[in-house]
PDB file of N, CA and C in Angstrom:
ATOM      1  N   MET A   1      -7.913  -0.626  -5.947  1.00  0.00           N
ATOM      2  CA  MET A   1      -7.216  -0.646  -4.507  1.00  0.00           C
ATOM      3  C   MET A   1      -7.854   0.570  -3.738  1.00  0.00           C
ATOM      4  N   ILE A   2      -7.783   0.114  -2.587  1.00  0.00           N
ATOM      5  CA  ILE A   2      -8.090   1.360  -1.270  1.00  0.00           C
ATOM      6  C   ILE A   2      -6.652   1.068  -0.112  1.00  0.00           C
ATOM      7  N   VAL A   3      -6.958   2.400   0.259  1.00  0.00           N
ATOM      8  CA  VAL A   3      -5.648   2.512   0.668  1.00  0.00           C
ATOM      9  C   VAL A   3      -6.166   3.487   2.117  1.00  0.00           C
ATOM     10  N   ILE A   4      -6.520   3.182   3.115  1.00  0.00           N
ATOM     11  CA  ILE A   4      -7.228   3.567   4.251  1.00  0.00           C
ATOM     12  C   ILE A   4      -5.703   3.930   5.714  1.00  0.00           C
ATOM     13  N   PHE A   5      -5.870   4.970   6.218  1.00  0.00           N
ATOM     14  CA  PHE A   5      -4.782   5.408   7.045  1.00  0.00           C
ATOM     15  C   PHE A   5      -5.231   5.836   7.807  1.00  0.00           C
ATOM     16  N   ASN A   6      -4.655   5.584   9.427  1.00  0.00           N
ATOM     17  CA  ASN A   6      -5.063   5.983  10.326  1.00  0.00           C
ATOM     18  C   ASN A   6      -3.779   6.560  10.738  1.00  0.00           C
ATOM     19  N   PRO A   7      -3.459   8.409  11.015  1.00  0.00           N
ATOM     20  CA  PRO A   7      -2.702   9.211  11.670  1.00  0.00           C
ATOM     21  C   PRO A   7      -1.969   8.784  13.181  1.00  0.00           C
ATOM     22  N   SER A   8      -0.754   8.625  13.307  1.00  0.00           N
ATOM     23  CA  SER A   8      -0.353   8.628  14.282  1.00  0.00           C
ATOM     24  C   SER A   8       0.206   9.806  15.336  1.00  0.00           C
ATOM     25  N   ASP A   9      -0.183  10.364  16.786  1.00  0.00           N
ATOM     26  CA  ASP A   9       0.139  11.184  16.904  1.00  0.00           C
ATOM     27  C   ASP A   9       1.283  11.407  18.067  1.00  0.00           C
ATOM     28  N   ASN A  10       2.064  10.099  18.240  1.00  0.00           N
ATOM     29  CA  ASN A  10       3.255   9.410  18.842  1.00  0.00           C
ATOM     30  C   ASN A  10       4.281   9.614  17.793  1.00  0.00           C
ATOM     31  N   VAL A  11       4.821  10.306  17.496  1.00  0.00           N
ATOM     32  CA  VAL A  11       6.598  10.431  16.434  1.00  0.00           C
ATOM     33  C   VAL A  11       7.382   9.115  16.596  1.00  0.00           C
ATOM     34  N   SER A  12       7.071   8.043  17.640  1.00  0.00           N
ATOM     35  CA  SER A  12       7.723   7.187  17.778  1.00  0.00           C
ATOM     36  C   SER A  12       7.630   5.929  17.095  1.00  0.00           C
ATOM     37  N   ASP A  13       5.870   6.412  16.727  1.00  0.00           N
ATOM     38  CA  ASP A  13       5.598   5.303  16.268  1.00  0.00           C
ATOM     39  C   ASP A  13       5.552   4.559  14.789  1.00  0.00           C
ATOM     40  N   GLY A  14       5.956   5.768  14.087  1.00  0.00           N
ATOM     41  CA  GLY A  14       6.652   5.318  12.821  1.00  0.00           C
ATOM     42  C   GLY A  14       5.566   4.673  11.825  1.00  0.00           C
ATOM     43  N   ILE A  15       6.118   3.835  10.551  1.00  0.00           N
ATOM     44  CA  ILE A  15       4.980   3.773   9.586  1.00  0.00           C
ATOM     45  C   ILE A  15       4.934   1.560  10.121  1.00  0.00           C
ATOM     46  N   ARG A  16       3.241   1.807   9.676  1.00  0.00           N
ATOM     47  CA  ARG A  16       2.951   0.459   9.728  1.00  0.00           C
ATOM     48  C   ARG A  16       2.156  -0.032   8.786  1.00  0.00           C
ATOM     49  N   VAL A  17       2.399  -1.026   7.925  1.00  0.00           N
ATOM     50  CA  VAL A  17       1.046  -1.315   7.149  1.00  0.00           C
ATOM     51  C   VAL A  17       0.792  -2.731   6.936  1.00  0.00           C
ATOM     52  N   ALA A  18      -0.267  -3.223   6.801  1.00  0.00           N
ATOM     53  CA  ALA A  18      -0.922  -4.296   6.529  1.00  0.00           C
ATOM     54  C   ALA A  18      -1.710  -4.157   4.907  1.00  0.00           C
ATOM     55  N   PHE A  19      -1.816  -5.425   4.858  1.00  0.00           N
ATOM     56  CA  PHE A  19      -2.180  -5.959   3.384  1.00  0.00           C
ATOM     57  C   PHE A  19      -3.193  -6.337   3.500  1.00  0.00           C
ATOM     58  N   ALA A  20      -4.337  -6.829   2.813  1.00  0.00           N
ATOM     59  CA  ALA A  20      -5.833  -7.209   2.992  1.00  0.00           C
ATOM     60  C   ALA A  20      -6.166  -7.662   1.329  1.00  0.00           C
ATOM     61  N   VAL A  21      -5.540  -8.772   0.983  1.00  0.00           N
ATOM     62  CA  VAL A  21      -5.829  -9.633   0.069  1.00  0.00           C
ATOM     63  C   VAL A  21      -6.542 -10.686  -0.345  1.00  0.00           C
ATOM     64  N   GLY A  22      -8.339 -10.717  -0.502  1.00  0.00           N
ATOM     65  CA  GLY A  22      -9.068 -11.750  -0.250  1.00  0.00           C
ATOM     66  C   GLY A  22      -9.029 -12.900  -1.272  1.00  0.00           C
ATOM     67  N   ARG A  23      -9.772 -13.945  -0.976  1.00  0.00           N
ATOM     68  CA  ARG A  23      -9.925 -14.664  -1.819  1.00  0.00           C
ATOM     69  C   ARG A  23     -10.088 -14.721  -3.021  1.00  0.00           C
ATOM     70  N   SER A  24     -10.846 -13.758  -3.427  1.00  0.00           N
ATOM     71  CA  SER A  24     -11.430 -13.549  -4.819  1.00  0.00           C
ATOM     72  C   SER A  24     -10.454 -12.967  -5.569  1.00  0.00           C
ATOM     73  N   VAL A  25      -8.935 -12.236  -4.861  1.00  0.00           N
ATOM     74  CA  VAL A  25      -8.018 -12.428  -5.986  1.00  0.00           C
ATOM     75  C   VAL A  25      -7.698 -13.241  -6.662  1.00  0.00           C
ATOM     76  N   GLY A  26      -7.702 -14.128  -5.854  1.00  0.00           N
ATOM     77  CA  GLY A  26      -6.876 -15.369  -6.133  1.00  0.00           C
ATOM     78  C   GLY A  26      -6.447 -16.788  -5.242  1.00  0.00           C
ATOM     79  N   GLY A  27      -5.869 -17.570  -5.989  1.00  0.00           N
ATOM     80  CA  GLY A  27      -5.250 -18.547  -4.523  1.00  0.00           C
ATOM     81  C   GLY A  27      -4.182 -18.068  -3.986  1.00  0.00           C
ATOM     82  N   ALA A  28      -3.770 -18.843  -2.924  1.00  0.00           N
ATOM     83  CA  ALA A  28      -2.812 -18.333  -1.938  1.00  0.00           C
ATOM     84  C   ALA A  28      -1.636 -18.002  -2.417  1.00  0.00           C
ATOM     85  N   VAL A  29      -0.797 -18.635  -3.656  1.00  0.00           N
ATOM     86  CA  VAL A  29      -0.090 -18.037  -4.089  1.00  0.00           C
ATOM     87  C   VAL A  29       0.158 -16.916  -4.900  1.00  0.00           C
ATOM     88  N   VAL A  30      -1.336 -16.796  -5.472  1.00  0.00           N
ATOM     89  CA  VAL A  30      -1.197 -15.289  -6.492  1.00  0.00           C
ATOM     90  C   VAL A  30      -1.462 -14.294  -4.967  1.00  0.00           C
ATOM     91  N   ARG A  31      -2.187 -14.562  -4.195  1.00  0.00           N
ATOM     92  CA  ARG A  31      -2.237 -13.598  -2.780  1.00  0.00           C
ATOM     93  C   ARG A  31      -1.202 -12.931  -2.199  1.00  0.00           C
ATOM     94  N   ASN A  32      -0.373 -14.015  -2.270  1.00  0.00           N
ATOM     95  CA  ASN A  32       1.503 -14.065  -1.743  1.00  0.00           C
ATOM     96  C   ASN A  32       2.032 -13.041  -2.220  1.00  0.00           C
ATOM     97  N   ARG A  33       2.243 -13.195  -3.319  1.00  0.00           N
ATOM     98  CA  ARG A  33       2.682 -12.433  -4.508  1.00  0.00           C
ATOM     99  C   ARG A  33       2.716 -11.169  -4.698  1.00  0.00           C
ATOM    100  N   ILE A  34       1.227 -10.765  -4.687  1.00  0.00           N
ATOM    101  CA  ILE A  34       0.382  -9.569  -4.738  1.00  0.00           C
ATOM    102  C   ILE A  34       1.081  -8.871  -3.350  1.00  0.00           C
ATOM    103  N   LYS A  35       1.112  -9.691  -2.257  1.00  0.00           N
ATOM    104  CA  LYS A  35       1.304  -8.988  -0.773  1.00  0.00           C
ATOM    105  C   LYS A  35       2.867  -8.519  -1.066  1.00  0.00           C
ATOM    106  N   ARG A  36       3.757  -9.321  -1.662  1.00  0.00           N
ATOM    107  CA  ARG A  36       5.390  -9.373  -1.832  1.00  0.00           C
ATOM    108  C   ARG A  36       5.287  -8.046  -2.509  1.00  0.00           C
ATOM    109  N   ARG A  37       4.987  -8.150  -3.743  1.00  0.00           N
ATOM    110  CA  ARG A  37       5.193  -7.134  -4.884  1.00  0.00           C
ATOM    111  C   ARG A  37       4.586  -5.838  -3.871  1.00  0.00           C
ATOM    112  N   LEU A  38       3.683  -5.620  -3.355  1.00  0.00           N
ATOM    113  CA  LEU A  38       3.450  -4.333  -2.817  1.00  0.00           C
ATOM    114  C   LEU A  38       4.103  -3.746  -1.608  1.00  0.00           C
ATOM    115  N   ARG A  39       4.278  -4.959  -0.979  1.00  0.00           N
ATOM    116  CA  ARG A  39       5.492  -4.559   0.345  1.00  0.00           C
ATOM    117  C   ARG A  39       6.770  -4.229  -0.313  1.00  0.00           C
ATOM    118  N   GLU A  40       7.413  -4.523  -1.685  1.00  0.00           N
ATOM    119  CA  GLU A  40       8.428  -4.239  -2.056  1.00  0.00           C
ATOM    120  C   GLU A  40       8.457  -2.523  -2.429  1.00  0.00           C
ATOM    121  N   ALA A  41       7.094  -2.372  -3.508  1.00  0.00           N
ATOM    122  CA  ALA A  41       6.764  -1.042  -3.731  1.00  0.00           C
ATOM    123  C   ALA A  41       6.588  -0.198  -2.847  1.00  0.00           C
ATOM    124  N   PHE A  42       5.805  -0.415  -1.718  1.00  0.00           N
ATOM    125  CA  PHE A  42       5.704   0.357  -0.641  1.00  0.00           C
ATOM    126  C   PHE A  42       7.345   0.716   0.239  1.00  0.00           C
ATOM    127  N   SER A  43       8.233   0.031   0.115  1.00  0.00           N
ATOM    128  CA  SER A  43       9.551   0.160   0.492  1.00  0.00           C
ATOM    129  C   SER A  43       9.955   1.297   0.198  1.00  0.00           C
ATOM    130  N   ARG A  44      10.330   0.876  -1.560  1.00  0.00           N
ATOM    131  CA  ARG A  44      10.510   1.501  -2.539  1.00  0.00           C
ATOM    132  C   ARG A  44      10.398   3.076  -2.579  1.00  0.00           C
ATOM    133  N   MET A  45       8.810   2.867  -1.620  1.00  0.00           N
ATOM    134  CA  MET A  45       8.291   4.308  -2.326  1.00  0.00           C
ATOM    135  C   MET A  45       8.656   5.000  -0.845  1.00  0.00           C
ATOM    136  N   LEU A  46       8.978   4.246   0.259  1.00  0.00           N
ATOM    137  CA  LEU A  46       9.829   5.024   1.708  1.00  0.00           C
ATOM    138  C   LEU A  46      11.117   5.836   1.107  1.00  0.00           C
ATOM    139  N   LEU A  47      11.789   4.629   0.661  1.00  0.00           N
ATOM    140  CA  LEU A  47      13.142   5.198   0.421  1.00  0.00           C
ATOM    141  C   LEU A  47      13.369   6.573  -0.589  1.00  0.00           C
ATOM    142  N   LYS A  48      12.174   6.492  -1.681  1.00  0.00           N
ATOM    143  CA  LYS A  48      12.012   7.539  -2.393  1.00  0.00           C
ATOM    144  C   LYS A  48      11.464   9.148  -2.404  1.00  0.00           C
ATOM    145  N   ASN A  49      10.762   8.758  -1.089  1.00  0.00           N
ATOM    146  CA  ASN A  49      10.049   9.930  -0.619  1.00  0.00           C
ATOM    147  C   ASN A  49       9.718  10.183   0.923  1.00  0.00           C
ATOM    148  N   LYS A  50      10.268  10.624   1.361  1.00  0.00           N
ATOM    149  CA  LYS A  50      10.661  10.553   2.672  1.00  0.00           C
ATOM    150  C   LYS A  50       9.527  11.213   3.839  1.00  0.00           C
ATOM    151  N   SER A  51       8.639  12.091   2.841  1.00  0.00           N
ATOM    152  CA  SER A  51       7.150  12.590   3.596  1.00  0.00           C
ATOM    153  C   SER A  51       5.924  12.198   3.657  1.00  0.00           C
ATOM    154  N   ILE A  52       6.342  10.951   3.569  1.00  0.00           N
ATOM    155  CA  ILE A  52       5.031   9.695   3.837  1.00  0.00           C
ATOM    156  C   ILE A  52       4.972   9.957   5.217  1.00  0.00           C
ATOM    157  N   PRO A  53       3.499  10.648   5.773  1.00  0.00           N
ATOM    158  CA  PRO A  53       3.147  10.975   7.256  1.00  0.00           C
ATOM    159  C   PRO A  53       3.184   9.079   7.987  1.00  0.00           C
ATOM    160  N   ASN A  54       3.653   9.633   9.312  1.00  0.00           N
ATOM    161  CA  ASN A  54       3.578   8.187  10.411  1.00  0.00           C
ATOM    162  C   ASN A  54       2.172   7.804  10.610  1.00  0.00           C
ATOM    163  N   GLY A  55       2.210   6.560  10.703  1.00  0.00           N
ATOM    164  CA  GLY A  55       0.735   6.342  11.455  1.00  0.00           C
ATOM    165  C   GLY A  55       0.331   4.382  10.380  1.00  0.00           C
ATOM    166  N   ASP A  56      -1.022   4.136  10.506  1.00  0.00           N
ATOM    167  CA  ASP A  56      -0.875   3.240  10.336  1.00  0.00           C
ATOM    168  C   ASP A  56      -2.074   2.912   8.763  1.00  0.00           C
ATOM    169  N   TYR A  57      -1.089   2.050   7.874  1.00  0.00           N
ATOM    170  CA  TYR A  57      -1.830   2.115   6.651  1.00  0.00           C
ATOM    171  C   TYR A  57      -2.247   0.642   6.053  1.00  0.00           C
ATOM    172  N   LEU A  58      -3.721   0.581   5.847  1.00  0.00           N
ATOM    173  CA  LEU A  58      -4.308  -0.919   5.293  1.00  0.00           C
ATOM    174  C   LEU A  58      -4.343  -0.626   3.781  1.00  0.00           C
ATOM    175  N   ILE A  59      -3.802  -1.610   2.994  1.00  0.00           N
ATOM    176  CA  ILE A  59      -3.777  -1.447   1.471  1.00  0.00           C
ATOM    177  C   ILE A  59      -4.925  -2.446   1.141  1.00  0.00           C
ATOM    178  N   ARG A  60      -6.037  -2.786   0.656  1.00  0.00           N
ATOM    179  CA  ARG A  60      -6.735  -3.351   0.437  1.00  0.00           C
ATOM    180  C   ARG A  60      -7.041  -3.653  -1.378  1.00  0.00           C
ATOM    181  N   VAL A  61      -6.941  -5.060  -1.722  1.00  0.00           N
ATOM    182  CA  VAL A  61      -6.557  -5.334  -3.079  1.00  0.00           C
ATOM    183  C   VAL A  61      -8.181  -5.883  -3.248  1.00  0.00           C
ATOM    184  N   PHE A  62      -8.461  -5.506  -4.303  1.00  0.00           N
ATOM    185  CA  PHE A  62      -9.779  -6.034  -5.147  1.00  0.00           C
ATOM    186  C   PHE A  62      -9.192  -7.008  -6.298  1.00  0.00           C
ATOM    187  N   PRO A  63     -10.371  -8.045  -6.784  1.00  0.00           N
ATOM    188  CA  PRO A  63      -9.811  -8.476  -8.301  1.00  0.00           C
ATOM    189  C   PRO A  63      -9.437  -7.841  -9.320  1.00  0.00           C
ATOM    190  N   GLY A  64      -8.260  -8.806  -9.908  1.00  0.00           N
ATOM    191  CA  GLY A  64      -8.498  -7.821 -11.568  1.00  0.00           C
ATOM    192  C   GLY A  64      -6.479  -7.453 -11.350  1.00  0.00           C
ATOM    193  N   VAL A  65      -6.329  -7.060 -10.168  1.00  0.00           N
ATOM    194  CA  VAL A  65      -5.320  -6.593  -9.972  1.00  0.00           C
ATOM    195  C   VAL A  65      -4.012  -7.893  -9.764  1.00  0.00           C
ATOM    196  N   ASN A  66      -4.441  -8.742 -10.246  1.00  0.00           N
ATOM    197  CA  ASN A  66      -3.663 -10.000 -10.698  1.00  0.00           C
ATOM    198  C   ASN A  66      -2.830 -10.101 -11.310  1.00  0.00           C
ATOM    199  N   ASN A  67      -3.549  -9.212 -12.723  1.00  0.00           N
ATOM    200  CA  ASN A  67      -3.044  -8.916 -13.963  1.00  0.00           C
ATOM    201  C   ASN A  67      -2.376  -7.861 -14.380  1.00  0.00           C
ATOM    202  N   LYS A  68      -1.784  -7.285 -13.047  1.00  0.00           N
ATOM    203  CA  LYS A  68      -0.679  -6.018 -12.946  1.00  0.00           C
ATOM    204  C   LYS A  68       0.388  -6.465 -12.620  1.00  0.00           C
ATOM    205  N   SER A  69       1.298  -5.603 -13.381  1.00  0.00           N
ATOM    206  CA  SER A  69       2.854  -5.655 -13.383  1.00  0.00           C
ATOM    207  C   SER A  69       3.273  -4.845 -11.988  1.00  0.00           C
ATOM    208  N   PHE A  70       4.491  -5.417 -11.788  1.00  0.00           N
ATOM    209  CA  PHE A  70       5.056  -4.717 -10.416  1.00  0.00           C
ATOM    210  C   PHE A  70       4.922  -3.050 -10.744  1.00  0.00           C
ATOM    211  N   ILE A  71       5.279  -3.140 -11.948  1.00  0.00           N
ATOM    212  CA  ILE A  71       5.787  -0.957 -12.226  1.00  0.00           C
ATOM    213  C   ILE A  71       4.004  -0.964 -11.964  1.00  0.00           C
ATOM    214  N   GLY A  72       2.856  -1.404 -12.146  1.00  0.00           N
ATOM    215  CA  GLY A  72       1.805  -1.244 -12.248  1.00  0.00           C
ATOM    216  C   GLY A  72       0.615  -0.788 -11.255  1.00  0.00           C
ATOM    217  N   LEU A  73       1.367  -1.959 -10.552  1.00  0.00           N
ATOM    218  CA  LEU A  73       1.134  -2.101  -8.667  1.00  0.00           C
ATOM    219  C   LEU A  73       1.639  -1.025  -8.352  1.00  0.00           C
ATOM    220  N   SER A  74       3.043  -0.689  -8.110  1.00  0.00           N
ATOM    221  CA  SER A  74       3.230   0.724  -7.451  1.00  0.00           C
ATOM    222  C   SER A  74       3.058   2.258  -8.072  1.00  0.00           C
ATOM    223  N   GLU A  75       2.909   1.926  -8.977  1.00  0.00           N
ATOM    224  CA  GLU A  75       2.078   3.240  -9.582  1.00  0.00           C
ATOM    225  C   GLU A  75       0.631   3.518  -9.253  1.00  0.00           C
ATOM    226  N   ASP A  76      -0.148   2.750  -8.643  1.00  0.00           N
ATOM    227  CA  ASP A  76      -1.178   2.551  -8.037  1.00  0.00           C
ATOM    228  C   ASP A  76      -0.996   2.966  -6.430  1.00  0.00           C
ATOM    229  N   LEU A  77      -0.197   2.198  -5.984  1.00  0.00           N
ATOM    230  CA  LEU A  77       0.051   2.312  -4.627  1.00  0.00           C
ATOM    231  C   LEU A  77       0.540   3.884  -4.443  1.00  0.00           C
ATOM    232  N   GLU A  78       1.681   4.028  -5.390  1.00  0.00           N
ATOM    233  CA  GLU A  78       2.059   5.937  -5.567  1.00  0.00           C
ATOM    234  C   GLU A  78       0.541   6.842  -5.497  1.00  0.00           C
ATOM    235  N   ARG A  79       0.187   6.305  -6.146  1.00  0.00           N
ATOM    236  CA  ARG A  79      -1.325   7.414  -6.359  1.00  0.00           C
ATOM    237  C   ARG A  79      -2.266   7.342  -5.157  1.00  0.00           C
ATOM    238  N   SER A  80      -2.376   6.121  -4.743  1.00  0.00           N
ATOM    239  CA  SER A  80      -3.253   6.264  -3.590  1.00  0.00           C
ATOM    240  C   SER A  80      -2.903   7.301  -2.198  1.00  0.00           C
ATOM    241  N   ILE A  81      -1.591   6.884  -1.939  1.00  0.00           N
ATOM    242  CA  ILE A  81      -0.990   7.686  -0.934  1.00  0.00           C
ATOM    243  C   ILE A  81      -1.087   9.136  -1.410  1.00  0.00           C
ATOM    244  N   GLU A  82      -0.353   9.609  -2.454  1.00  0.00           N
ATOM    245  CA  GLU A  82      -0.548  10.582  -2.770  1.00  0.00           C
ATOM    246  C   GLU A  82      -1.806  11.655  -2.602  1.00  0.00           C
ATOM    247  N   TYR A  83      -2.737  10.721  -3.309  1.00  0.00           N
ATOM    248  CA  TYR A  83      -4.426  11.034  -3.122  1.00  0.00           C
ATOM    249  C   TYR A  83      -4.620  11.340  -1.197  1.00  0.00           C
ATOM    250  N   LEU A  84      -4.041  10.555  -0.072  1.00  0.00           N
ATOM    251  CA  LEU A  84      -4.180  10.782   1.103  1.00  0.00           C
ATOM    252  C   LEU A  84      -3.432  11.934   1.753  1.00  0.00           C
ATOM    253  N   ARG A  85      -2.158  12.106   1.001  1.00  0.00           N
ATOM    254  CA  ARG A  85      -1.721  13.438   1.765  1.00  0.00           C
ATOM    255  C   ARG A  85      -2.049  14.818   1.032  1.00  0.00           C
ATOM    256  N   LYS A  86      -2.972  14.462  -0.269  1.00  0.00           N
ATOM    257  CA  LYS A  86      -3.320  15.709  -0.408  1.00  0.00           C
ATOM    258  C   LYS A  86      -4.722  16.129  -0.226  1.00  0.00           C
ATOM    259  N   GLY A  87      -5.399  15.005   0.653  1.00  0.00           N
ATOM    260  CA  GLY A  87      -6.239  15.427   1.457  1.00  0.00           C
ATOM    261  C   GLY A  87      -5.794  15.638   2.827  1.00  0.00           C
ATOM    262  N   ASP A  88      -4.749  15.364   3.251  1.00  0.00           N
ATOM    263  CA  ASP A  88      -4.508  16.225   4.735  1.00  0.00           C
ATOM    264  C   ASP A  88      -4.060  17.670   4.629  1.00  0.00           C
ATOM    265  N   ASP A  89      -4.080  18.297   3.115  1.00  0.00           N
ATOM    266  CA  ASP A  89      -3.662  19.171   3.098  1.00  0.00           C
ATOM    267  C   ASP A  89      -4.695  20.302   3.668  1.00  0.00           C
TER     268      ASP A  89
END
């Protein structure tokens, strides 16, 4: 999983998230399930952690992620966002 972040200068822009799950990951049902899980994981992360910077997030998923549980996806997403935040320091 790769997370690409484009920071926003305008405070009122908030946080926008897009998911890129290609056909190589699986069929439409699998891709949509992964997007739903990632959307929920991101929402929970926002509720838990208020220090996520405003801006645009693109979350790119690669094959093999369809075998991961919700908890595994959540941990990968949190690790990726944390890596981005540490890179900003």
